[in-house]
Structure formats: C-alpha cells, structure tokens
Amino acid sequence: MAETLSKASTMVFRFGTDAHLYDDPDDVNIAPISHSKYDSEKCEALKRLLALIAQGLDVSNLFPQVVKNVASQSLELKKLVYLYLLHYAEK
C-alpha cells in the first residue's frame, strides 16, 4: 500500500514537468528525431537527449540527425538543437 501511495504521489508531483525524461537512461526512444513529421515529437526526443547529456551519457552519435533539425520553423526545436550543438561544438 505504501509503495502504491509513493508512486501515486510521484506521478502527481511530476505532472506538468519534464522530470520523466530522467527516469531510465537505458530506455531511449530517439526515433522521432529523424522519422517524425511533427515538431512536437522531435522536441520531446531532443529534450530526452538533453536529459541524457545532463546525466553524463554520450549521445554524440546522433549529431547528424539532430543537426538536420536546424532548418525547422519551430523556434523551440531550434533552441533545443542549439543547446545540443553547444555541448558538442568542440568535438
């Protein structure tokens, strides 16, 4: 019962935040970066990538897929790509 209550309170606490992006670094769904036609899905994938970078994981292998999104009309997507590029600029 206590475990269920703890999970429920965690879900309520995370509602409306991007904290779920930090849950499981091994469960990475990056496919929407290059395959989605929706900017919202691409933004979610890039947020996940930035969360992985914040956790210390190397996601530089996805550089070409991320850079393609610079030409997007979405300002949010452009900003996320910029943050990614700032991290890997020297490499």
PDB file of N, CA and C in Angstrom:
ATOM      1  N   MET A   1       0.827  -1.195   0.000  1.00  0.00           N
ATOM      2  CA  MET A   1       0.000   0.000   0.000  1.00  0.00           C
ATOM      3  C   MET A   1       0.868   1.253   0.000  1.00  0.00           C
ATOM      4  N   ALA A   2       1.912   1.267   0.832  1.00  0.00           N
ATOM      5  CA  ALA A   2       2.786   2.435   0.916  1.00  0.00           C
ATOM      6  C   ALA A   2       3.521   2.664  -0.409  1.00  0.00           C
ATOM      7  N   GLU A   3       3.903   1.567  -1.060  1.00  0.00           N
ATOM      8  CA  GLU A   3       4.608   1.688  -2.345  1.00  0.00           C
ATOM      9  C   GLU A   3       3.688   2.292  -3.406  1.00  0.00           C
ATOM     10  N   THR A   4       2.442   1.872  -3.440  1.00  0.00           N
ATOM     11  CA  THR A   4       1.473   2.401  -4.392  1.00  0.00           C
ATOM     12  C   THR A   4       1.221   3.877  -4.137  1.00  0.00           C
ATOM     13  N   LEU A   5       1.117   4.244  -2.860  1.00  0.00           N
ATOM     14  CA  LEU A   5       0.913   5.640  -2.493  1.00  0.00           C
ATOM     15  C   LEU A   5       2.116   6.487  -2.905  1.00  0.00           C
ATOM     16  N   SER A   6       3.308   5.946  -2.730  1.00  0.00           N
ATOM     17  CA  SER A   6       4.521   6.657  -3.111  1.00  0.00           C
ATOM     18  C   SER A   6       4.575   6.888  -4.616  1.00  0.00           C
ATOM     19  N   LYS A   7       4.217   5.867  -5.394  1.00  0.00           N
ATOM     20  CA  LYS A   7       4.192   6.006  -6.852  1.00  0.00           C
ATOM     21  C   LYS A   7       3.154   7.035  -7.279  1.00  0.00           C
ATOM     22  N   ALA A   8       2.010   7.014  -6.637  1.00  0.00           N
ATOM     23  CA  ALA A   8       0.945   7.962  -6.978  1.00  0.00           C
ATOM     24  C   ALA A   8       1.366   9.390  -6.672  1.00  0.00           C
ATOM     25  N   SER A   9       2.011   9.599  -5.533  1.00  0.00           N
ATOM     26  CA  SER A   9       2.452  10.949  -5.183  1.00  0.00           C
ATOM     27  C   SER A   9       3.544  11.426  -6.124  1.00  0.00           C
ATOM     28  N   THR A  10       4.396  10.511  -6.577  1.00  0.00           N
ATOM     29  CA  THR A  10       5.434  10.863  -7.540  1.00  0.00           C
ATOM     30  C   THR A  10       4.808  11.271  -8.857  1.00  0.00           C
ATOM     31  N   MET A  11       3.784  10.561  -9.294  1.00  0.00           N
ATOM     32  CA  MET A  11       3.105  10.892 -10.544  1.00  0.00           C
ATOM     33  C   MET A  11       2.441  12.259 -10.457  1.00  0.00           C
ATOM     34  N   VAL A  12       1.813  12.563  -9.325  1.00  0.00           N
ATOM     35  CA  VAL A  12       1.160  13.857  -9.145  1.00  0.00           C
ATOM     36  C   VAL A  12       2.204  14.962  -9.121  1.00  0.00           C
ATOM     37  N   PHE A  13       3.329  14.725  -8.452  1.00  0.00           N
ATOM     38  CA  PHE A  13       4.391  15.717  -8.355  1.00  0.00           C
ATOM     39  C   PHE A  13       4.978  16.026  -9.725  1.00  0.00           C
ATOM     40  N   ARG A  14       5.107  15.040 -10.584  1.00  0.00           N
ATOM     41  CA  ARG A  14       5.728  15.216 -11.894  1.00  0.00           C
ATOM     42  C   ARG A  14       4.764  15.735 -12.953  1.00  0.00           C
ATOM     43  N   PHE A  15       3.509  15.821 -12.643  1.00  0.00           N
ATOM     44  CA  PHE A  15       2.525  16.260 -13.626  1.00  0.00           C
ATOM     45  C   PHE A  15       2.879  17.670 -14.099  1.00  0.00           C
ATOM     46  N   GLY A  16       3.017  17.834 -15.400  1.00  0.00           N
ATOM     47  CA  GLY A  16       3.306  19.141 -15.954  1.00  0.00           C
ATOM     48  C   GLY A  16       4.783  19.479 -16.011  1.00  0.00           C
ATOM     49  N   THR A  17       5.654  18.519 -15.718  1.00  0.00           N
ATOM     50  CA  THR A  17       7.088  18.782 -15.775  1.00  0.00           C
ATOM     51  C   THR A  17       7.747  17.822 -16.751  1.00  0.00           C
ATOM     52  N   ASP A  18       9.017  18.043 -16.977  1.00  0.00           N
ATOM     53  CA  ASP A  18       9.793  17.158 -17.841  1.00  0.00           C
ATOM     54  C   ASP A  18      10.642  16.197 -17.029  1.00  0.00           C
ATOM     55  N   ALA A  19      10.307  15.993 -15.777  1.00  0.00           N
ATOM     56  CA  ALA A  19      11.101  15.114 -14.910  1.00  0.00           C
ATOM     57  C   ALA A  19      11.120  13.674 -15.413  1.00  0.00           C
ATOM     58  N   HIS A  20      10.090  13.264 -16.128  1.00  0.00           N
ATOM     59  CA  HIS A  20      10.045  11.891 -16.651  1.00  0.00           C
ATOM     60  C   HIS A  20      11.177  11.607 -17.631  1.00  0.00           C
ATOM     61  N   LEU A  21      11.786  12.637 -18.161  1.00  0.00           N
ATOM     62  CA  LEU A  21      12.873  12.462 -19.118  1.00  0.00           C
ATOM     63  C   LEU A  21      14.106  11.848 -18.471  1.00  0.00           C
ATOM     64  N   TYR A  22      14.195  11.930 -17.156  1.00  0.00           N
ATOM     65  CA  TYR A  22      15.351  11.419 -16.431  1.00  0.00           C
ATOM     66  C   TYR A  22      15.139  10.020 -15.877  1.00  0.00           C
ATOM     67  N   ASP A  23      13.999   9.406 -16.132  1.00  0.00           N
ATOM     68  CA  ASP A  23      13.651   8.141 -15.497  1.00  0.00           C
ATOM     69  C   ASP A  23      14.622   7.001 -15.773  1.00  0.00           C
ATOM     70  N   ASP A  24      14.731   6.565 -16.986  1.00  0.00           N
ATOM     71  CA  ASP A  24      15.532   5.385 -17.299  1.00  0.00           C
ATOM     72  C   ASP A  24      16.449   5.684 -18.480  1.00  0.00           C
ATOM     73  N   PRO A  25      17.744   5.911 -18.224  1.00  0.00           N
ATOM     74  CA  PRO A  25      18.653   6.247 -19.313  1.00  0.00           C
ATOM     75  C   PRO A  25      18.810   5.138 -20.342  1.00  0.00           C
ATOM     76  N   ASP A  26      18.487   3.889 -19.998  1.00  0.00           N
ATOM     77  CA  ASP A  26      18.605   2.791 -20.949  1.00  0.00           C
ATOM     78  C   ASP A  26      17.407   2.703 -21.893  1.00  0.00           C
ATOM     79  N   ASP A  27      16.316   3.339 -21.518  1.00  0.00           N
ATOM     80  CA  ASP A  27      15.099   3.308 -22.328  1.00  0.00           C
ATOM     81  C   ASP A  27      15.039   4.577 -23.179  1.00  0.00           C
ATOM     82  N   VAL A  28      15.827   4.605 -24.231  1.00  0.00           N
ATOM     83  CA  VAL A  28      15.931   5.797 -25.062  1.00  0.00           C
ATOM     84  C   VAL A  28      15.157   5.590 -26.354  1.00  0.00           C
ATOM     85  N   ASN A  29      14.195   6.459 -26.583  1.00  0.00           N
ATOM     86  CA  ASN A  29      13.432   6.403 -27.827  1.00  0.00           C
ATOM     87  C   ASN A  29      13.780   7.645 -28.633  1.00  0.00           C
ATOM     88  N   ILE A  30      14.757   7.509 -29.517  1.00  0.00           N
ATOM     89  CA  ILE A  30      15.263   8.645 -30.261  1.00  0.00           C
ATOM     90  C   ILE A  30      14.715   8.671 -31.698  1.00  0.00           C
ATOM     91  N   ALA A  31      13.994   7.686 -32.097  1.00  0.00           N
ATOM     92  CA  ALA A  31      13.491   7.593 -33.470  1.00  0.00           C
ATOM     93  C   ALA A  31      12.752   8.845 -33.946  1.00  0.00           C
ATOM     94  N   PRO A  32      11.971   9.531 -33.101  1.00  0.00           N
ATOM     95  CA  PRO A  32      11.232  10.692 -33.602  1.00  0.00           C
ATOM     96  C   PRO A  32      12.111  11.829 -34.122  1.00  0.00           C
ATOM     97  N   ILE A  33      13.378  11.859 -33.780  1.00  0.00           N
ATOM     98  CA  ILE A  33      14.224  12.954 -34.253  1.00  0.00           C
ATOM     99  C   ILE A  33      14.281  12.973 -35.776  1.00  0.00           C
ATOM    100  N   SER A  34      14.437  11.830 -36.372  1.00  0.00           N
ATOM    101  CA  SER A  34      14.585  11.816 -37.822  1.00  0.00           C
ATOM    102  C   SER A  34      13.357  11.305 -38.563  1.00  0.00           C
ATOM    103  N   HIS A  35      12.471  10.604 -37.896  1.00  0.00           N
ATOM    104  CA  HIS A  35      11.369   9.963 -38.602  1.00  0.00           C
ATOM    105  C   HIS A  35      10.025  10.673 -38.440  1.00  0.00           C
ATOM    106  N   SER A  36       9.900  11.537 -37.482  1.00  0.00           N
ATOM    107  CA  SER A  36       8.615  12.180 -37.246  1.00  0.00           C
ATOM    108  C   SER A  36       8.446  13.404 -38.134  1.00  0.00           C
ATOM    109  N   LYS A  37       7.215  13.655 -38.539  1.00  0.00           N
ATOM    110  CA  LYS A  37       6.931  14.873 -39.279  1.00  0.00           C
ATOM    111  C   LYS A  37       6.380  15.956 -38.352  1.00  0.00           C
ATOM    112  N   TYR A  38       6.228  15.623 -37.082  1.00  0.00           N
ATOM    113  CA  TYR A  38       5.682  16.569 -36.104  1.00  0.00           C
ATOM    114  C   TYR A  38       6.796  17.164 -35.254  1.00  0.00           C
ATOM    115  N   ASP A  39       6.826  18.480 -35.183  1.00  0.00           N
ATOM    116  CA  ASP A  39       7.853  19.154 -34.390  1.00  0.00           C
ATOM    117  C   ASP A  39       7.727  18.843 -32.904  1.00  0.00           C
ATOM    118  N   SER A  40       6.519  18.614 -32.429  1.00  0.00           N
ATOM    119  CA  SER A  40       6.335  18.323 -31.005  1.00  0.00           C
ATOM    120  C   SER A  40       7.027  17.015 -30.618  1.00  0.00           C
ATOM    121  N   GLU A  41       6.966  16.011 -31.479  1.00  0.00           N
ATOM    122  CA  GLU A  41       7.645  14.740 -31.193  1.00  0.00           C
ATOM    123  C   GLU A  41       9.158  14.908 -31.260  1.00  0.00           C
ATOM    124  N   LYS A  42       9.612  15.714 -32.197  1.00  0.00           N
ATOM    125  CA  LYS A  42      11.046  15.981 -32.296  1.00  0.00           C
ATOM    126  C   LYS A  42      11.536  16.732 -31.060  1.00  0.00           C
ATOM    127  N   CYS A  43      10.741  17.664 -30.574  1.00  0.00           N
ATOM    128  CA  CYS A  43      11.104  18.411 -29.364  1.00  0.00           C
ATOM    129  C   CYS A  43      11.214  17.476 -28.164  1.00  0.00           C
ATOM    130  N   GLU A  44      10.265  16.570 -28.019  1.00  0.00           N
ATOM    131  CA  GLU A  44      10.317  15.615 -26.913  1.00  0.00           C
ATOM    132  C   GLU A  44      11.565  14.741 -26.996  1.00  0.00           C
ATOM    133  N   ALA A  45      11.917  14.310 -28.208  1.00  0.00           N
ATOM    134  CA  ALA A  45      13.110  13.485 -28.380  1.00  0.00           C
ATOM    135  C   ALA A  45      14.374  14.276 -28.047  1.00  0.00           C
ATOM    136  N   LEU A  46      14.420  15.531 -28.455  1.00  0.00           N
ATOM    137  CA  LEU A  46      15.590  16.353 -28.148  1.00  0.00           C
ATOM    138  C   LEU A  46      15.678  16.665 -26.657  1.00  0.00           C
ATOM    139  N   LYS A  47      14.547  16.857 -26.020  1.00  0.00           N
ATOM    140  CA  LYS A  47      14.555  17.052 -24.560  1.00  0.00           C
ATOM    141  C   LYS A  47      15.120  15.812 -23.871  1.00  0.00           C
ATOM    142  N   ARG A  48      14.756  14.656 -24.379  1.00  0.00           N
ATOM    143  CA  ARG A  48      15.277  13.393 -23.837  1.00  0.00           C
ATOM    144  C   ARG A  48      16.789  13.311 -24.037  1.00  0.00           C
ATOM    145  N   LEU A  49      17.260  13.719 -25.215  1.00  0.00           N
ATOM    146  CA  LEU A  49      18.697  13.729 -25.470  1.00  0.00           C
ATOM    147  C   LEU A  49      19.420  14.665 -24.510  1.00  0.00           C
ATOM    148  N   LEU A  50      18.861  15.843 -24.292  1.00  0.00           N
ATOM    149  CA  LEU A  50      19.488  16.803 -23.377  1.00  0.00           C
ATOM    150  C   LEU A  50      19.477  16.285 -21.943  1.00  0.00           C
ATOM    151  N   ALA A  51      18.445  15.552 -21.582  1.00  0.00           N
ATOM    152  CA  ALA A  51      18.401  14.937 -20.253  1.00  0.00           C
ATOM    153  C   ALA A  51      19.491  13.884 -20.126  1.00  0.00           C
ATOM    154  N   LEU A  52      19.730  13.119 -21.182  1.00  0.00           N
ATOM    155  CA  LEU A  52      20.797  12.121 -21.165  1.00  0.00           C
ATOM    156  C   LEU A  52      22.163  12.786 -21.066  1.00  0.00           C
ATOM    157  N   ILE A  53      22.337  13.910 -21.752  1.00  0.00           N
ATOM    158  CA  ILE A  53      23.588  14.661 -21.650  1.00  0.00           C
ATOM    159  C   ILE A  53      23.795  15.142 -20.232  1.00  0.00           C
ATOM    160  N   ALA A  54      22.724  15.622 -19.609  1.00  0.00           N
ATOM    161  CA  ALA A  54      22.809  16.098 -18.222  1.00  0.00           C
ATOM    162  C   ALA A  54      23.178  14.973 -17.260  1.00  0.00           C
ATOM    163  N   GLN A  55      22.837  13.741 -17.610  1.00  0.00           N
ATOM    164  CA  GLN A  55      23.173  12.586 -16.786  1.00  0.00           C
ATOM    165  C   GLN A  55      24.581  12.083 -17.069  1.00  0.00           C
ATOM    166  N   GLY A  56      25.257  12.697 -18.041  1.00  0.00           N
ATOM    167  CA  GLY A  56      26.627  12.318 -18.330  1.00  0.00           C
ATOM    168  C   GLY A  56      26.795  11.290 -19.432  1.00  0.00           C
ATOM    169  N   LEU A  57      25.752  10.978 -20.150  1.00  0.00           N
ATOM    170  CA  LEU A  57      25.842   9.999 -21.232  1.00  0.00           C
ATOM    171  C   LEU A  57      26.245  10.684 -22.537  1.00  0.00           C
ATOM    172  N   ASP A  58      26.965   9.968 -23.370  1.00  0.00           N
ATOM    173  CA  ASP A  58      27.413  10.491 -24.651  1.00  0.00           C
ATOM    174  C   ASP A  58      26.407  10.131 -25.730  1.00  0.00           C
ATOM    175  N   VAL A  59      25.801  11.142 -26.322  1.00  0.00           N
ATOM    176  CA  VAL A  59      24.850  10.922 -27.403  1.00  0.00           C
ATOM    177  C   VAL A  59      25.320  11.631 -28.675  1.00  0.00           C
ATOM    178  N   SER A  60      26.632  11.764 -28.820  1.00  0.00           N
ATOM    179  CA  SER A  60      27.198  12.451 -29.983  1.00  0.00           C
ATOM    180  C   SER A  60      26.983  11.669 -31.273  1.00  0.00           C
ATOM    181  N   ASN A  61      26.700  10.381 -31.173  1.00  0.00           N
ATOM    182  CA  ASN A  61      26.462   9.582 -32.376  1.00  0.00           C
ATOM    183  C   ASN A  61      25.199  10.015 -33.122  1.00  0.00           C
ATOM    184  N   LEU A  62      24.348  10.789 -32.483  1.00  0.00           N
ATOM    185  CA  LEU A  62      23.112  11.261 -33.110  1.00  0.00           C
ATOM    186  C   LEU A  62      23.268  12.669 -33.700  1.00  0.00           C
ATOM    187  N   PHE A  63      24.498  13.166 -33.741  1.00  0.00           N
ATOM    188  CA  PHE A  63      24.767  14.515 -34.218  1.00  0.00           C
ATOM    189  C   PHE A  63      24.136  14.808 -35.587  1.00  0.00           C
ATOM    190  N   PRO A  64      24.323  13.954 -36.600  1.00  0.00           N
ATOM    191  CA  PRO A  64      23.730  14.261 -37.918  1.00  0.00           C
ATOM    192  C   PRO A  64      22.205  14.367 -37.897  1.00  0.00           C
ATOM    193  N   GLN A  65      21.568  13.523 -37.120  1.00  0.00           N
ATOM    194  CA  GLN A  65      20.104  13.554 -37.039  1.00  0.00           C
ATOM    195  C   GLN A  65      19.616  14.825 -36.358  1.00  0.00           C
ATOM    196  N   VAL A  66      20.370  15.285 -35.368  1.00  0.00           N
ATOM    197  CA  VAL A  66      19.980  16.490 -34.634  1.00  0.00           C
ATOM    198  C   VAL A  66      20.199  17.728 -35.496  1.00  0.00           C
ATOM    199  N   VAL A  67      21.333  17.802 -36.175  1.00  0.00           N
ATOM    200  CA  VAL A  67      21.672  18.981 -36.961  1.00  0.00           C
ATOM    201  C   VAL A  67      20.670  19.227 -38.082  1.00  0.00           C
ATOM    202  N   LYS A  68      20.090  18.178 -38.630  1.00  0.00           N
ATOM    203  CA  LYS A  68      19.097  18.335 -39.697  1.00  0.00           C
ATOM    204  C   LYS A  68      17.912  19.190 -39.259  1.00  0.00           C
ATOM    205  N   ASN A  69      17.682  19.273 -37.969  1.00  0.00           N
ATOM    206  CA  ASN A  69      16.522  19.998 -37.459  1.00  0.00           C
ATOM    207  C   ASN A  69      16.758  21.495 -37.288  1.00  0.00           C
ATOM    208  N   VAL A  70      17.936  21.979 -37.634  1.00  0.00           N
ATOM    209  CA  VAL A  70      18.209  23.412 -37.557  1.00  0.00           C
ATOM    210  C   VAL A  70      17.310  24.171 -38.526  1.00  0.00           C
ATOM    211  N   ALA A  71      16.961  23.554 -39.617  1.00  0.00           N
ATOM    212  CA  ALA A  71      16.139  24.204 -40.640  1.00  0.00           C
ATOM    213  C   ALA A  71      14.652  24.231 -40.301  1.00  0.00           C
ATOM    214  N   SER A  72      14.275  23.744 -39.149  1.00  0.00           N
ATOM    215  CA  SER A  72      12.867  23.705 -38.752  1.00  0.00           C
ATOM    216  C   SER A  72      12.308  25.119 -38.561  1.00  0.00           C
ATOM    217  N   GLN A  73      11.018  25.249 -38.723  1.00  0.00           N
ATOM    218  CA  GLN A  73      10.342  26.526 -38.483  1.00  0.00           C
ATOM    219  C   GLN A  73      10.026  26.730 -37.001  1.00  0.00           C
ATOM    220  N   SER A  74      10.092  25.669 -36.224  1.00  0.00           N
ATOM    221  CA  SER A  74       9.766  25.729 -34.798  1.00  0.00           C
ATOM    222  C   SER A  74      10.910  26.364 -34.009  1.00  0.00           C
ATOM    223  N   LEU A  75      10.615  27.450 -33.322  1.00  0.00           N
ATOM    224  CA  LEU A  75      11.628  28.129 -32.524  1.00  0.00           C
ATOM    225  C   LEU A  75      12.088  27.254 -31.361  1.00  0.00           C
ATOM    226  N   GLU A  76      11.162  26.528 -30.742  1.00  0.00           N
ATOM    227  CA  GLU A  76      11.514  25.641 -29.638  1.00  0.00           C
ATOM    228  C   GLU A  76      12.490  24.561 -30.094  1.00  0.00           C
ATOM    229  N   LEU A  77      12.226  23.977 -31.243  1.00  0.00           N
ATOM    230  CA  LEU A  77      13.099  22.944 -31.784  1.00  0.00           C
ATOM    231  C   LEU A  77      14.480  23.506 -32.099  1.00  0.00           C
ATOM    232  N   LYS A  78      14.525  24.689 -32.660  1.00  0.00           N
ATOM    233  CA  LYS A  78      15.810  25.333 -32.963  1.00  0.00           C
ATOM    234  C   LYS A  78      16.617  25.567 -31.687  1.00  0.00           C
ATOM    235  N   LYS A  79      15.949  25.993 -30.629  1.00  0.00           N
ATOM    236  CA  LYS A  79      16.640  26.241 -29.365  1.00  0.00           C
ATOM    237  C   LYS A  79      17.203  24.951 -28.779  1.00  0.00           C
ATOM    238  N   LEU A  80      16.452  23.865 -28.868  1.00  0.00           N
ATOM    239  CA  LEU A  80      16.923  22.580 -28.356  1.00  0.00           C
ATOM    240  C   LEU A  80      18.123  22.081 -29.158  1.00  0.00           C
ATOM    241  N   VAL A  81      18.078  22.259 -30.472  1.00  0.00           N
ATOM    242  CA  VAL A  81      19.216  21.880 -31.318  1.00  0.00           C
ATOM    243  C   VAL A  81      20.428  22.717 -30.939  1.00  0.00           C
ATOM    244  N   TYR A  82      20.217  23.996 -30.696  1.00  0.00           N
ATOM    245  CA  TYR A  82      21.304  24.892 -30.305  1.00  0.00           C
ATOM    246  C   TYR A  82      21.956  24.419 -29.004  1.00  0.00           C
ATOM    247  N   LEU A  83      21.160  24.028 -28.023  1.00  0.00           N
ATOM    248  CA  LEU A  83      21.711  23.529 -26.756  1.00  0.00           C
ATOM    249  C   LEU A  83      22.539  22.266 -26.978  1.00  0.00           C
ATOM    250  N   TYR A  84      22.044  21.384 -27.837  1.00  0.00           N
ATOM    251  CA  TYR A  84      22.783  20.179 -28.170  1.00  0.00           C
ATOM    252  C   TYR A  84      24.112  20.535 -28.834  1.00  0.00           C
ATOM    253  N   LEU A  85      24.062  21.454 -29.795  1.00  0.00           N
ATOM    254  CA  LEU A  85      25.265  21.855 -30.512  1.00  0.00           C
ATOM    255  C   LEU A  85      26.280  22.535 -29.596  1.00  0.00           C
ATOM    256  N   LEU A  86      25.799  23.306 -28.644  1.00  0.00           N
ATOM    257  CA  LEU A  86      26.717  23.938 -27.671  1.00  0.00           C
ATOM    258  C   LEU A  86      27.519  22.895 -26.910  1.00  0.00           C
ATOM    259  N   HIS A  87      26.866  21.812 -26.579  1.00  0.00           N
ATOM    260  CA  HIS A  87      27.551  20.774 -25.809  1.00  0.00           C
ATOM    261  C   HIS A  87      28.599  20.036 -26.643  1.00  0.00           C
ATOM    262  N   TYR A  88      28.301  19.789 -27.906  1.00  0.00           N
ATOM    263  CA  TYR A  88      29.203  19.009 -28.751  1.00  0.00           C
ATOM    264  C   TYR A  88      29.984  19.859 -29.754  1.00  0.00           C
ATOM    265  N   ALA A  89      30.024  21.172 -29.583  1.00  0.00           N
ATOM    266  CA  ALA A  89      30.674  22.052 -30.548  1.00  0.00           C
ATOM    267  C   ALA A  89      32.161  21.772 -30.717  1.00  0.00           C
ATOM    268  N   GLU A  90      32.855  21.470 -29.639  1.00  0.00           N
ATOM    269  CA  GLU A  90      34.298  21.270 -29.731  1.00  0.00           C
ATOM    270  C   GLU A  90      34.664  19.920 -30.323  1.00  0.00           C
ATOM    271  N   LYS A  91      33.772  18.965 -30.254  1.00  0.00           N
ATOM    272  CA  LYS A  91      34.043  17.634 -30.792  1.00  0.00           C
ATOM    273  C   LYS A  91      33.861  17.657 -32.272  1.00  0.00           C
TER     274      LYS A  91
END
